């Protein structure tokens, strides 16, 4: 079994639930993918770091940093940053807040980021693409350069197409079809 297949199996085992769910996109679904149950596990972090780093490099991207909208993107970005220590060059991580802080430095983006930084925006589960678009807009407003979007899971609900229509290249690690056998 490849590391990508092992990651898909872990997602299937830990992160997929069936029932009636309201998604952050506003859509209803008979299944929910709570990627955090995998991305915040020890085994998941190792697999996501290696598979995510490989996906970034296979895409031909050379970001200085990776990150996205907190909190779904955070453990994925941190795992990729950690994996890059074992397979340089280093890639650092950042987090995008939903809103700028009203105290301290007032930053919306925390971590390894400054104007001009080339980044890959991370998304845990793409449904409508809204969270990734929020992160991309925040990065661009802060002067960052977005190379593309790396998504752990594509729910195949139009989000990837929406992101691509906005001019972004999107790389997906796995899909609902791969996890469940159906979109």
N, C-alpha and C. Protein backbone atom coordinates (compact mmCIF):
# COMPACT_ATOMS: atom_id res chain seq x y z
N UNK A 1 0.85 -1.18 0.00
CA UNK A 1 0.00 0.00 0.00
C UNK A 1 0.90 1.24 0.00
N UNK A 2 0.60 2.19 -0.88
CA UNK A 2 1.36 3.44 -0.93
C UNK A 2 0.95 4.32 0.25
N UNK A 3 1.74 5.36 0.51
CA UNK A 3 1.39 6.29 1.59
C UNK A 3 0.09 7.02 1.26
N UNK A 4 -0.14 7.34 0.01
CA UNK A 4 -1.39 8.00 -0.40
C UNK A 4 -2.58 7.07 -0.14
N UNK A 5 -2.46 5.80 -0.47
CA UNK A 5 -3.53 4.83 -0.21
C UNK A 5 -3.75 4.66 1.30
N UNK A 6 -2.66 4.65 2.07
CA UNK A 6 -2.77 4.54 3.52
C UNK A 6 -3.48 5.76 4.10
N UNK A 7 -3.19 6.94 3.55
CA UNK A 7 -3.86 8.15 4.00
C UNK A 7 -5.36 8.09 3.68
N UNK A 8 -5.70 7.65 2.49
CA UNK A 8 -7.12 7.52 2.11
C UNK A 8 -7.82 6.53 3.04
N UNK A 9 -7.16 5.43 3.37
CA UNK A 9 -7.75 4.43 4.27
C UNK A 9 -7.97 5.03 5.67
N UNK A 10 -7.01 5.81 6.14
CA UNK A 10 -7.13 6.46 7.45
C UNK A 10 -8.28 7.48 7.44
N UNK A 11 -8.39 8.25 6.38
CA UNK A 11 -9.50 9.20 6.24
C UNK A 11 -10.83 8.46 6.26
N UNK A 12 -10.91 7.37 5.52
CA UNK A 12 -12.14 6.57 5.44
C UNK A 12 -12.53 6.07 6.83
N UNK A 13 -11.53 5.57 7.56
CA UNK A 13 -11.76 4.98 8.88
C UNK A 13 -12.12 6.02 9.94
N UNK A 14 -11.40 7.14 9.96
CA UNK A 14 -11.53 8.10 11.05
C UNK A 14 -12.39 9.31 10.76
N UNK A 15 -12.48 9.70 9.51
CA UNK A 15 -13.04 11.01 9.20
C UNK A 15 -14.40 11.01 8.52
N UNK A 16 -14.89 9.88 8.07
CA UNK A 16 -16.16 9.83 7.35
C UNK A 16 -17.28 9.38 8.29
N UNK A 17 -18.35 10.19 8.32
CA UNK A 17 -19.54 9.86 9.11
C UNK A 17 -20.76 9.97 8.21
N UNK A 18 -21.78 9.20 8.53
CA UNK A 18 -23.03 9.23 7.76
C UNK A 18 -24.16 9.72 8.65
N UNK A 19 -25.08 10.48 8.06
CA UNK A 19 -26.20 11.06 8.79
C UNK A 19 -26.75 12.23 8.00
N UNK A 20 -27.22 13.25 8.70
CA UNK A 20 -27.73 14.46 8.06
C UNK A 20 -26.88 15.62 8.57
N UNK A 21 -26.13 16.26 7.68
CA UNK A 21 -25.18 17.29 8.08
C UNK A 21 -25.38 18.58 7.30
N UNK A 22 -25.20 19.71 7.97
CA UNK A 22 -25.15 21.01 7.33
C UNK A 22 -23.68 21.38 7.18
N UNK A 23 -23.23 21.58 5.96
CA UNK A 23 -21.84 21.90 5.68
C UNK A 23 -21.59 23.40 5.81
N UNK A 24 -20.34 23.79 5.96
CA UNK A 24 -20.01 25.21 6.08
C UNK A 24 -20.41 25.98 4.82
N UNK A 25 -20.52 25.28 3.70
CA UNK A 25 -20.93 25.90 2.44
C UNK A 25 -22.43 26.22 2.44
N UNK A 26 -23.17 25.71 3.44
CA UNK A 26 -24.61 25.88 3.49
C UNK A 26 -25.37 24.70 2.89
N UNK A 27 -24.65 23.81 2.22
CA UNK A 27 -25.27 22.63 1.61
C UNK A 27 -25.55 21.59 2.69
N UNK A 28 -26.52 20.72 2.42
CA UNK A 28 -26.79 19.59 3.30
C UNK A 28 -26.18 18.35 2.65
N UNK A 29 -25.79 17.40 3.48
CA UNK A 29 -25.17 16.18 2.97
C UNK A 29 -25.52 15.01 3.85
N UNK A 30 -25.55 13.81 3.24
CA UNK A 30 -25.81 12.59 4.00
C UNK A 30 -24.51 11.99 4.56
N UNK A 31 -23.39 12.64 4.25
CA UNK A 31 -22.11 12.22 4.83
C UNK A 31 -21.30 13.45 5.18
N UNK A 32 -20.40 13.29 6.12
CA UNK A 32 -19.54 14.39 6.56
C UNK A 32 -18.12 13.87 6.61
N UNK A 33 -17.20 14.68 6.13
CA UNK A 33 -15.78 14.32 6.20
C UNK A 33 -15.13 15.31 7.16
N UNK A 34 -14.90 14.85 8.38
CA UNK A 34 -14.22 15.65 9.39
C UNK A 34 -12.74 15.31 9.32
N UNK A 35 -12.06 15.95 8.38
CA UNK A 35 -10.65 15.63 8.13
C UNK A 35 -9.79 15.80 9.37
N UNK A 36 -10.19 16.66 10.29
CA UNK A 36 -9.38 16.90 11.50
C UNK A 36 -9.17 15.63 12.32
N UNK A 37 -10.12 14.68 12.22
CA UNK A 37 -9.95 13.42 12.97
C UNK A 37 -8.77 12.63 12.43
N UNK A 38 -8.39 12.92 11.20
CA UNK A 38 -7.19 12.31 10.62
C UNK A 38 -6.00 13.26 10.70
N UNK A 39 -6.21 14.53 10.33
CA UNK A 39 -5.09 15.47 10.24
C UNK A 39 -4.47 15.79 11.60
N UNK A 40 -5.24 15.58 12.67
CA UNK A 40 -4.71 15.85 14.00
C UNK A 40 -4.26 14.59 14.72
N UNK A 41 -4.24 13.47 14.01
CA UNK A 41 -3.75 12.22 14.60
C UNK A 41 -2.27 12.07 14.27
N UNK A 42 -1.57 11.36 15.11
CA UNK A 42 -0.13 11.16 14.90
C UNK A 42 0.15 10.49 13.56
N UNK A 43 -0.58 9.41 13.26
CA UNK A 43 -0.35 8.70 12.00
C UNK A 43 -0.73 9.59 10.82
N UNK A 44 -1.84 10.30 10.96
CA UNK A 44 -2.29 11.19 9.89
C UNK A 44 -1.28 12.28 9.60
N UNK A 45 -0.69 12.84 10.63
CA UNK A 45 0.28 13.92 10.42
C UNK A 45 1.49 13.44 9.63
N UNK A 46 1.97 12.26 9.95
CA UNK A 46 3.13 11.72 9.20
C UNK A 46 2.76 11.51 7.74
N UNK A 47 1.63 10.86 7.50
CA UNK A 47 1.20 10.58 6.12
C UNK A 47 0.90 11.86 5.35
N UNK A 48 0.15 12.76 5.96
CA UNK A 48 -0.21 14.01 5.29
C UNK A 48 1.04 14.82 4.96
N UNK A 49 1.98 14.86 5.88
CA UNK A 49 3.22 15.59 5.62
C UNK A 49 3.94 15.07 4.40
N UNK A 50 4.13 13.78 4.35
CA UNK A 50 4.86 13.17 3.23
C UNK A 50 4.08 13.26 1.91
N UNK A 51 2.79 12.89 1.96
CA UNK A 51 1.97 12.89 0.74
C UNK A 51 1.76 14.33 0.25
N UNK A 52 1.49 15.25 1.17
CA UNK A 52 1.30 16.65 0.79
C UNK A 52 2.55 17.27 0.20
N UNK A 53 3.69 17.00 0.81
CA UNK A 53 4.96 17.52 0.30
C UNK A 53 5.24 16.96 -1.09
N UNK A 54 5.00 15.68 -1.27
CA UNK A 54 5.19 15.06 -2.58
C UNK A 54 4.25 15.68 -3.62
N UNK A 55 2.99 15.92 -3.25
CA UNK A 55 2.02 16.51 -4.18
C UNK A 55 2.46 17.91 -4.61
N UNK A 56 2.96 18.69 -3.67
CA UNK A 56 3.45 20.04 -3.97
C UNK A 56 4.61 19.98 -4.95
N UNK A 57 5.52 19.08 -4.70
CA UNK A 57 6.70 18.98 -5.58
C UNK A 57 6.34 18.39 -6.93
N UNK A 58 5.42 17.43 -6.96
CA UNK A 58 4.96 16.87 -8.24
C UNK A 58 4.27 17.94 -9.08
N UNK A 59 3.63 18.89 -8.44
CA UNK A 59 2.95 19.99 -9.14
C UNK A 59 3.96 21.00 -9.71
N UNK A 60 5.21 20.88 -9.27
CA UNK A 60 6.23 21.81 -9.73
C UNK A 60 6.28 23.11 -8.94
N UNK A 61 5.57 23.14 -7.82
CA UNK A 61 5.56 24.33 -6.98
C UNK A 61 6.77 24.32 -6.04
N UNK A 62 7.30 25.50 -5.78
CA UNK A 62 8.39 25.67 -4.81
C UNK A 62 8.03 26.79 -3.85
N UNK A 63 7.03 26.57 -3.01
CA UNK A 63 6.60 27.63 -2.10
C UNK A 63 7.59 27.83 -0.96
N UNK A 64 7.59 29.03 -0.42
CA UNK A 64 8.37 29.28 0.79
C UNK A 64 7.55 28.86 2.01
N UNK A 65 6.21 28.91 1.84
CA UNK A 65 5.34 28.61 2.97
C UNK A 65 4.01 28.04 2.46
N UNK A 66 3.33 27.29 3.34
CA UNK A 66 2.01 26.73 3.04
C UNK A 66 1.07 27.04 4.20
N UNK A 67 -0.21 27.26 3.87
CA UNK A 67 -1.17 27.51 4.92
C UNK A 67 -2.51 27.86 4.33
N UNK A 68 -3.47 28.07 5.21
CA UNK A 68 -4.81 28.40 4.76
C UNK A 68 -5.64 28.85 5.92
N UNK A 69 -6.94 28.83 5.69
CA UNK A 69 -7.89 29.31 6.69
C UNK A 69 -7.84 28.41 7.93
N UNK A 70 -7.63 29.04 9.08
CA UNK A 70 -7.60 28.27 10.32
C UNK A 70 -9.01 27.72 10.58
N UNK A 71 -9.21 26.59 10.99
CA UNK A 71 -8.34 25.63 11.60
C UNK A 71 -8.16 24.37 10.76
N UNK A 72 -8.96 24.25 9.72
CA UNK A 72 -8.86 23.05 8.89
C UNK A 72 -7.52 22.90 8.20
N UNK A 73 -6.95 24.00 7.74
CA UNK A 73 -5.68 23.92 7.02
C UNK A 73 -4.48 23.78 7.94
N UNK A 74 -4.61 24.21 9.19
CA UNK A 74 -3.45 24.29 10.08
C UNK A 74 -2.67 22.98 10.24
N UNK A 75 -3.30 21.88 10.65
CA UNK A 75 -2.51 20.67 10.85
C UNK A 75 -1.89 20.14 9.56
N UNK A 76 -2.53 20.39 8.43
CA UNK A 76 -1.97 19.95 7.15
C UNK A 76 -0.73 20.76 6.83
N UNK A 77 -0.82 22.08 6.99
CA UNK A 77 0.33 22.95 6.73
C UNK A 77 1.49 22.60 7.66
N UNK A 78 1.20 22.40 8.93
CA UNK A 78 2.26 22.07 9.88
C UNK A 78 2.91 20.73 9.56
N UNK A 79 2.10 19.77 9.12
CA UNK A 79 2.65 18.45 8.76
C UNK A 79 3.56 18.54 7.55
N UNK A 80 3.17 19.33 6.57
CA UNK A 80 4.01 19.50 5.37
C UNK A 80 5.30 20.22 5.74
N UNK A 81 5.20 21.26 6.57
CA UNK A 81 6.41 21.97 7.00
C UNK A 81 7.36 21.01 7.72
N UNK A 82 6.82 20.20 8.61
CA UNK A 82 7.66 19.24 9.35
C UNK A 82 8.30 18.22 8.41
N UNK A 83 7.53 17.72 7.44
CA UNK A 83 8.06 16.74 6.50
C UNK A 83 9.20 17.33 5.66
N UNK A 84 9.14 18.63 5.41
CA UNK A 84 10.19 19.26 4.59
C UNK A 84 11.54 19.29 5.30
N UNK A 85 11.54 19.15 6.62
CA UNK A 85 12.81 19.09 7.36
C UNK A 85 13.59 17.84 6.95
N UNK A 86 12.86 16.74 6.73
CA UNK A 86 13.49 15.48 6.34
C UNK A 86 13.75 15.40 4.84
N UNK A 87 13.16 16.30 4.06
CA UNK A 87 13.31 16.29 2.60
C UNK A 87 13.38 17.73 2.10
N UNK A 88 14.50 18.42 2.39
CA UNK A 88 14.63 19.82 1.99
C UNK A 88 14.46 19.99 0.48
N UNK A 89 14.18 21.22 0.03
CA UNK A 89 14.26 22.47 0.78
C UNK A 89 13.07 22.66 1.72
N UNK A 90 13.32 23.47 2.76
CA UNK A 90 12.32 23.70 3.77
C UNK A 90 11.13 24.48 3.23
N UNK A 91 9.97 24.12 3.72
CA UNK A 91 8.73 24.85 3.48
C UNK A 91 8.16 25.16 4.86
N UNK A 92 7.84 26.42 5.09
CA UNK A 92 7.31 26.84 6.38
C UNK A 92 5.78 26.89 6.34
N UNK A 93 5.16 27.28 7.46
CA UNK A 93 3.70 27.29 7.55
C UNK A 93 3.18 28.63 8.06
N UNK A 94 1.92 28.90 7.70
CA UNK A 94 1.22 30.08 8.19
C UNK A 94 -0.25 29.72 8.37
N UNK A 95 -0.97 30.57 9.09
CA UNK A 95 -2.42 30.41 9.28
C UNK A 95 -3.10 31.72 8.92
N UNK A 96 -4.27 31.61 8.30
CA UNK A 96 -5.08 32.77 7.96
C UNK A 96 -6.28 32.80 8.90
N UNK A 97 -6.40 33.90 9.64
CA UNK A 97 -7.56 34.08 10.51
C UNK A 97 -8.77 34.44 9.67
N UNK A 98 -9.96 34.15 10.18
CA UNK A 98 -11.17 34.55 9.46
C UNK A 98 -11.32 36.07 9.46
N UNK A 99 -10.77 36.73 10.46
CA UNK A 99 -10.76 38.19 10.54
C UNK A 99 -9.48 38.62 11.23
N UNK A 100 -9.01 39.81 10.90
CA UNK A 100 -7.80 40.33 11.55
C UNK A 100 -8.06 40.52 13.04
N UNK A 101 -6.99 40.34 13.83
CA UNK A 101 -7.10 40.58 15.26
C UNK A 101 -7.35 42.07 15.50
N UNK A 102 -8.06 42.38 16.57
CA UNK A 102 -8.25 43.78 16.91
C UNK A 102 -7.33 44.21 18.04
N UNK A 103 -6.31 43.41 18.29
CA UNK A 103 -5.32 43.75 19.32
C UNK A 103 -3.93 43.31 18.83
N UNK A 104 -2.92 43.61 19.60
CA UNK A 104 -1.55 43.23 19.22
C UNK A 104 -1.16 43.82 17.88
N UNK A 105 -0.65 42.98 16.99
CA UNK A 105 -0.21 43.45 15.67
C UNK A 105 -1.36 43.61 14.69
N UNK A 106 -2.53 43.07 15.03
CA UNK A 106 -3.70 43.20 14.16
C UNK A 106 -3.60 42.39 12.87
N UNK A 107 -2.75 41.38 12.87
CA UNK A 107 -2.56 40.58 11.66
C UNK A 107 -3.71 39.61 11.41
N UNK A 108 -3.93 39.38 10.14
CA UNK A 108 -4.87 38.33 9.74
C UNK A 108 -4.10 37.05 9.43
N UNK A 109 -2.85 37.19 9.00
CA UNK A 109 -2.02 36.02 8.67
C UNK A 109 -0.92 35.91 9.72
N UNK A 110 -0.83 34.76 10.33
CA UNK A 110 0.16 34.50 11.38
C UNK A 110 1.14 33.43 10.92
N UNK A 111 2.35 33.51 11.42
CA UNK A 111 3.34 32.49 11.12
C UNK A 111 4.36 32.97 10.11
N UNK A 112 4.80 32.07 9.27
CA UNK A 112 5.87 32.33 8.32
C UNK A 112 5.32 32.93 7.03
N UNK A 113 5.11 34.25 7.06
CA UNK A 113 4.55 34.94 5.91
C UNK A 113 4.93 36.41 5.96
N UNK A 114 5.26 36.94 4.80
CA UNK A 114 5.50 38.37 4.65
C UNK A 114 5.19 38.73 3.20
N UNK A 115 4.99 40.00 2.89
CA UNK A 115 4.70 40.37 1.50
C UNK A 115 5.76 39.80 0.55
N UNK A 116 5.30 39.31 -0.60
CA UNK A 116 6.21 38.74 -1.60
C UNK A 116 6.42 37.24 -1.45
N UNK A 117 5.97 36.66 -0.33
CA UNK A 117 6.16 35.23 -0.11
C UNK A 117 5.34 34.41 -1.11
N UNK A 118 5.99 33.43 -1.74
CA UNK A 118 5.28 32.49 -2.61
C UNK A 118 4.73 31.37 -1.74
N UNK A 119 3.42 31.13 -1.87
CA UNK A 119 2.75 30.16 -1.01
C UNK A 119 1.86 29.22 -1.80
N UNK A 120 1.55 28.10 -1.18
CA UNK A 120 0.49 27.21 -1.62
C UNK A 120 -0.57 27.28 -0.53
N UNK A 121 -1.80 27.56 -0.93
CA UNK A 121 -2.91 27.61 0.01
C UNK A 121 -3.42 26.18 0.21
N UNK A 122 -3.64 25.84 1.47
CA UNK A 122 -4.07 24.50 1.86
C UNK A 122 -5.55 24.53 2.22
N UNK A 123 -6.25 23.48 1.83
CA UNK A 123 -7.66 23.30 2.20
C UNK A 123 -7.84 21.85 2.62
N UNK A 124 -8.56 21.63 3.72
CA UNK A 124 -8.76 20.24 4.15
C UNK A 124 -9.81 19.55 3.29
N UNK A 125 -11.00 20.15 3.18
CA UNK A 125 -12.06 19.56 2.37
C UNK A 125 -12.69 20.64 1.51
N UNK A 126 -12.62 20.48 0.20
CA UNK A 126 -13.21 21.45 -0.72
C UNK A 126 -14.63 21.03 -1.04
N UNK A 127 -15.58 21.92 -0.75
CA UNK A 127 -16.97 21.71 -1.15
C UNK A 127 -17.32 22.79 -2.17
N UNK A 128 -17.49 24.02 -1.69
CA UNK A 128 -17.81 25.14 -2.59
C UNK A 128 -16.55 25.88 -3.02
N UNK A 129 -15.45 25.69 -2.29
CA UNK A 129 -14.22 26.42 -2.55
C UNK A 129 -14.13 27.72 -1.78
N UNK A 130 -15.17 28.05 -1.02
CA UNK A 130 -15.24 29.32 -0.31
C UNK A 130 -14.11 29.57 0.67
N UNK A 131 -13.74 28.57 1.46
CA UNK A 131 -12.67 28.76 2.44
C UNK A 131 -11.34 29.01 1.76
N UNK A 132 -11.06 28.27 0.70
CA UNK A 132 -9.81 28.47 -0.03
C UNK A 132 -9.78 29.85 -0.67
N UNK A 133 -10.92 30.30 -1.20
CA UNK A 133 -10.97 31.62 -1.82
C UNK A 133 -10.73 32.71 -0.77
N UNK A 134 -11.31 32.55 0.43
CA UNK A 134 -11.06 33.51 1.52
C UNK A 134 -9.57 33.58 1.84
N UNK A 135 -8.93 32.42 1.92
CA UNK A 135 -7.50 32.38 2.24
C UNK A 135 -6.67 33.00 1.12
N UNK A 136 -7.00 32.68 -0.12
CA UNK A 136 -6.28 33.25 -1.27
C UNK A 136 -6.41 34.77 -1.26
N UNK A 137 -7.61 35.27 -1.05
CA UNK A 137 -7.82 36.72 -1.02
C UNK A 137 -7.02 37.38 0.09
N UNK A 138 -6.99 36.76 1.28
CA UNK A 138 -6.23 37.33 2.40
C UNK A 138 -4.74 37.36 2.08
N UNK A 139 -4.23 36.28 1.48
CA UNK A 139 -2.81 36.21 1.13
C UNK A 139 -2.48 37.29 0.10
N UNK A 140 -3.31 37.41 -0.92
CA UNK A 140 -3.06 38.40 -1.96
C UNK A 140 -3.16 39.82 -1.41
N UNK A 141 -4.14 40.08 -0.54
CA UNK A 141 -4.27 41.41 0.06
C UNK A 141 -3.05 41.77 0.90
N UNK A 142 -2.41 40.76 1.48
CA UNK A 142 -1.22 40.98 2.30
C UNK A 142 0.07 40.97 1.46
N UNK A 143 -0.07 40.86 0.14
CA UNK A 143 1.10 40.94 -0.73
C UNK A 143 1.74 39.61 -1.06
N UNK A 144 1.10 38.50 -0.72
CA UNK A 144 1.66 37.19 -1.02
C UNK A 144 1.36 36.77 -2.45
N UNK A 145 2.12 35.78 -2.92
CA UNK A 145 1.97 35.23 -4.26
C UNK A 145 1.45 33.80 -4.13
N UNK A 146 0.25 33.54 -4.63
CA UNK A 146 -0.36 32.22 -4.51
C UNK A 146 0.02 31.39 -5.74
N UNK A 147 0.73 30.29 -5.49
CA UNK A 147 1.12 29.38 -6.58
C UNK A 147 -0.01 28.44 -6.96
N UNK A 148 -0.85 28.11 -5.99
CA UNK A 148 -1.96 27.19 -6.23
C UNK A 148 -2.59 26.77 -4.92
N UNK A 149 -3.53 25.84 -5.04
CA UNK A 149 -4.26 25.32 -3.88
C UNK A 149 -4.04 23.81 -3.81
N UNK A 150 -3.70 23.33 -2.62
CA UNK A 150 -3.59 21.89 -2.36
C UNK A 150 -4.74 21.51 -1.45
N UNK A 151 -5.61 20.60 -1.91
CA UNK A 151 -6.75 20.14 -1.13
C UNK A 151 -6.55 18.69 -0.71
N UNK A 152 -6.81 18.41 0.55
CA UNK A 152 -6.73 17.04 1.03
C UNK A 152 -7.85 16.21 0.41
N UNK A 153 -9.10 16.70 0.50
CA UNK A 153 -10.26 15.97 -0.04
C UNK A 153 -11.09 16.92 -0.90
N UNK A 154 -11.45 16.46 -2.08
CA UNK A 154 -12.39 17.18 -2.94
C UNK A 154 -13.72 16.46 -2.85
N UNK A 155 -14.74 17.14 -2.34
CA UNK A 155 -16.08 16.56 -2.23
C UNK A 155 -16.76 16.45 -3.58
N UNK A 156 -16.12 16.95 -4.63
CA UNK A 156 -16.65 16.89 -6.00
C UNK A 156 -18.03 17.56 -6.07
N UNK A 157 -18.13 18.72 -5.43
CA UNK A 157 -19.38 19.48 -5.39
C UNK A 157 -19.25 20.81 -6.11
N UNK A 158 -18.25 20.94 -6.96
CA UNK A 158 -18.09 22.16 -7.73
C UNK A 158 -17.03 23.12 -7.22
N UNK A 159 -16.52 22.90 -6.02
CA UNK A 159 -15.52 23.80 -5.45
C UNK A 159 -14.22 23.85 -6.23
N UNK A 160 -13.74 22.70 -6.65
CA UNK A 160 -12.49 22.65 -7.42
C UNK A 160 -12.66 23.42 -8.73
N UNK A 161 -13.78 23.20 -9.39
CA UNK A 161 -14.07 23.90 -10.65
C UNK A 161 -14.15 25.40 -10.41
N UNK A 162 -14.79 25.82 -9.32
CA UNK A 162 -14.89 27.25 -8.99
C UNK A 162 -13.51 27.85 -8.77
N UNK A 163 -12.65 27.15 -8.05
CA UNK A 163 -11.29 27.64 -7.80
C UNK A 163 -10.51 27.75 -9.11
N UNK A 164 -10.62 26.73 -9.94
CA UNK A 164 -9.91 26.75 -11.23
C UNK A 164 -10.45 27.86 -12.13
N UNK A 165 -11.76 28.12 -12.08
CA UNK A 165 -12.35 29.19 -12.89
C UNK A 165 -11.85 30.56 -12.46
N UNK A 166 -11.38 30.66 -11.21
CA UNK A 166 -10.84 31.93 -10.74
C UNK A 166 -9.35 32.06 -11.06
N UNK A 167 -8.83 31.08 -11.83
CA UNK A 167 -7.44 31.15 -12.27
C UNK A 167 -6.45 30.41 -11.40
N UNK A 168 -6.94 29.65 -10.43
CA UNK A 168 -6.05 28.92 -9.53
C UNK A 168 -5.84 27.49 -10.02
N UNK A 169 -4.63 27.03 -9.89
CA UNK A 169 -4.35 25.61 -10.14
C UNK A 169 -4.65 24.87 -8.84
N UNK A 170 -5.37 23.76 -8.94
CA UNK A 170 -5.77 22.99 -7.76
C UNK A 170 -5.24 21.57 -7.89
N UNK A 171 -4.56 21.12 -6.85
CA UNK A 171 -4.09 19.74 -6.77
C UNK A 171 -4.85 19.09 -5.61
N UNK A 172 -5.42 17.92 -5.88
CA UNK A 172 -6.24 17.21 -4.90
C UNK A 172 -5.54 15.90 -4.52
N UNK A 173 -5.49 15.62 -3.23
CA UNK A 173 -4.88 14.37 -2.77
C UNK A 173 -5.85 13.20 -2.91
N UNK A 174 -7.11 13.40 -2.52
CA UNK A 174 -8.11 12.35 -2.68
C UNK A 174 -9.48 12.98 -2.89
N UNK A 175 -10.43 12.16 -3.31
CA UNK A 175 -11.78 12.65 -3.61
C UNK A 175 -12.82 11.82 -2.87
N UNK A 176 -14.03 12.35 -2.86
CA UNK A 176 -15.15 11.61 -2.28
C UNK A 176 -15.33 10.27 -3.00
N UNK A 177 -15.20 10.28 -4.31
CA UNK A 177 -15.33 9.03 -5.06
C UNK A 177 -14.32 8.01 -4.59
N UNK A 178 -13.08 8.44 -4.37
CA UNK A 178 -12.05 7.51 -3.89
C UNK A 178 -12.33 7.03 -2.47
N UNK A 179 -12.87 7.92 -1.63
CA UNK A 179 -13.14 7.54 -0.24
C UNK A 179 -14.40 6.71 -0.09
N UNK A 180 -15.47 7.09 -0.84
CA UNK A 180 -16.77 6.45 -0.62
C UNK A 180 -17.25 5.61 -1.80
N UNK A 181 -16.58 5.74 -2.93
CA UNK A 181 -17.02 5.03 -4.12
C UNK A 181 -18.11 5.75 -4.86
N UNK A 182 -18.46 6.98 -4.42
CA UNK A 182 -19.49 7.78 -5.10
C UNK A 182 -19.30 9.24 -4.69
N UNK A 183 -19.70 10.18 -5.55
CA UNK A 183 -19.59 11.60 -5.16
C UNK A 183 -20.67 12.02 -4.19
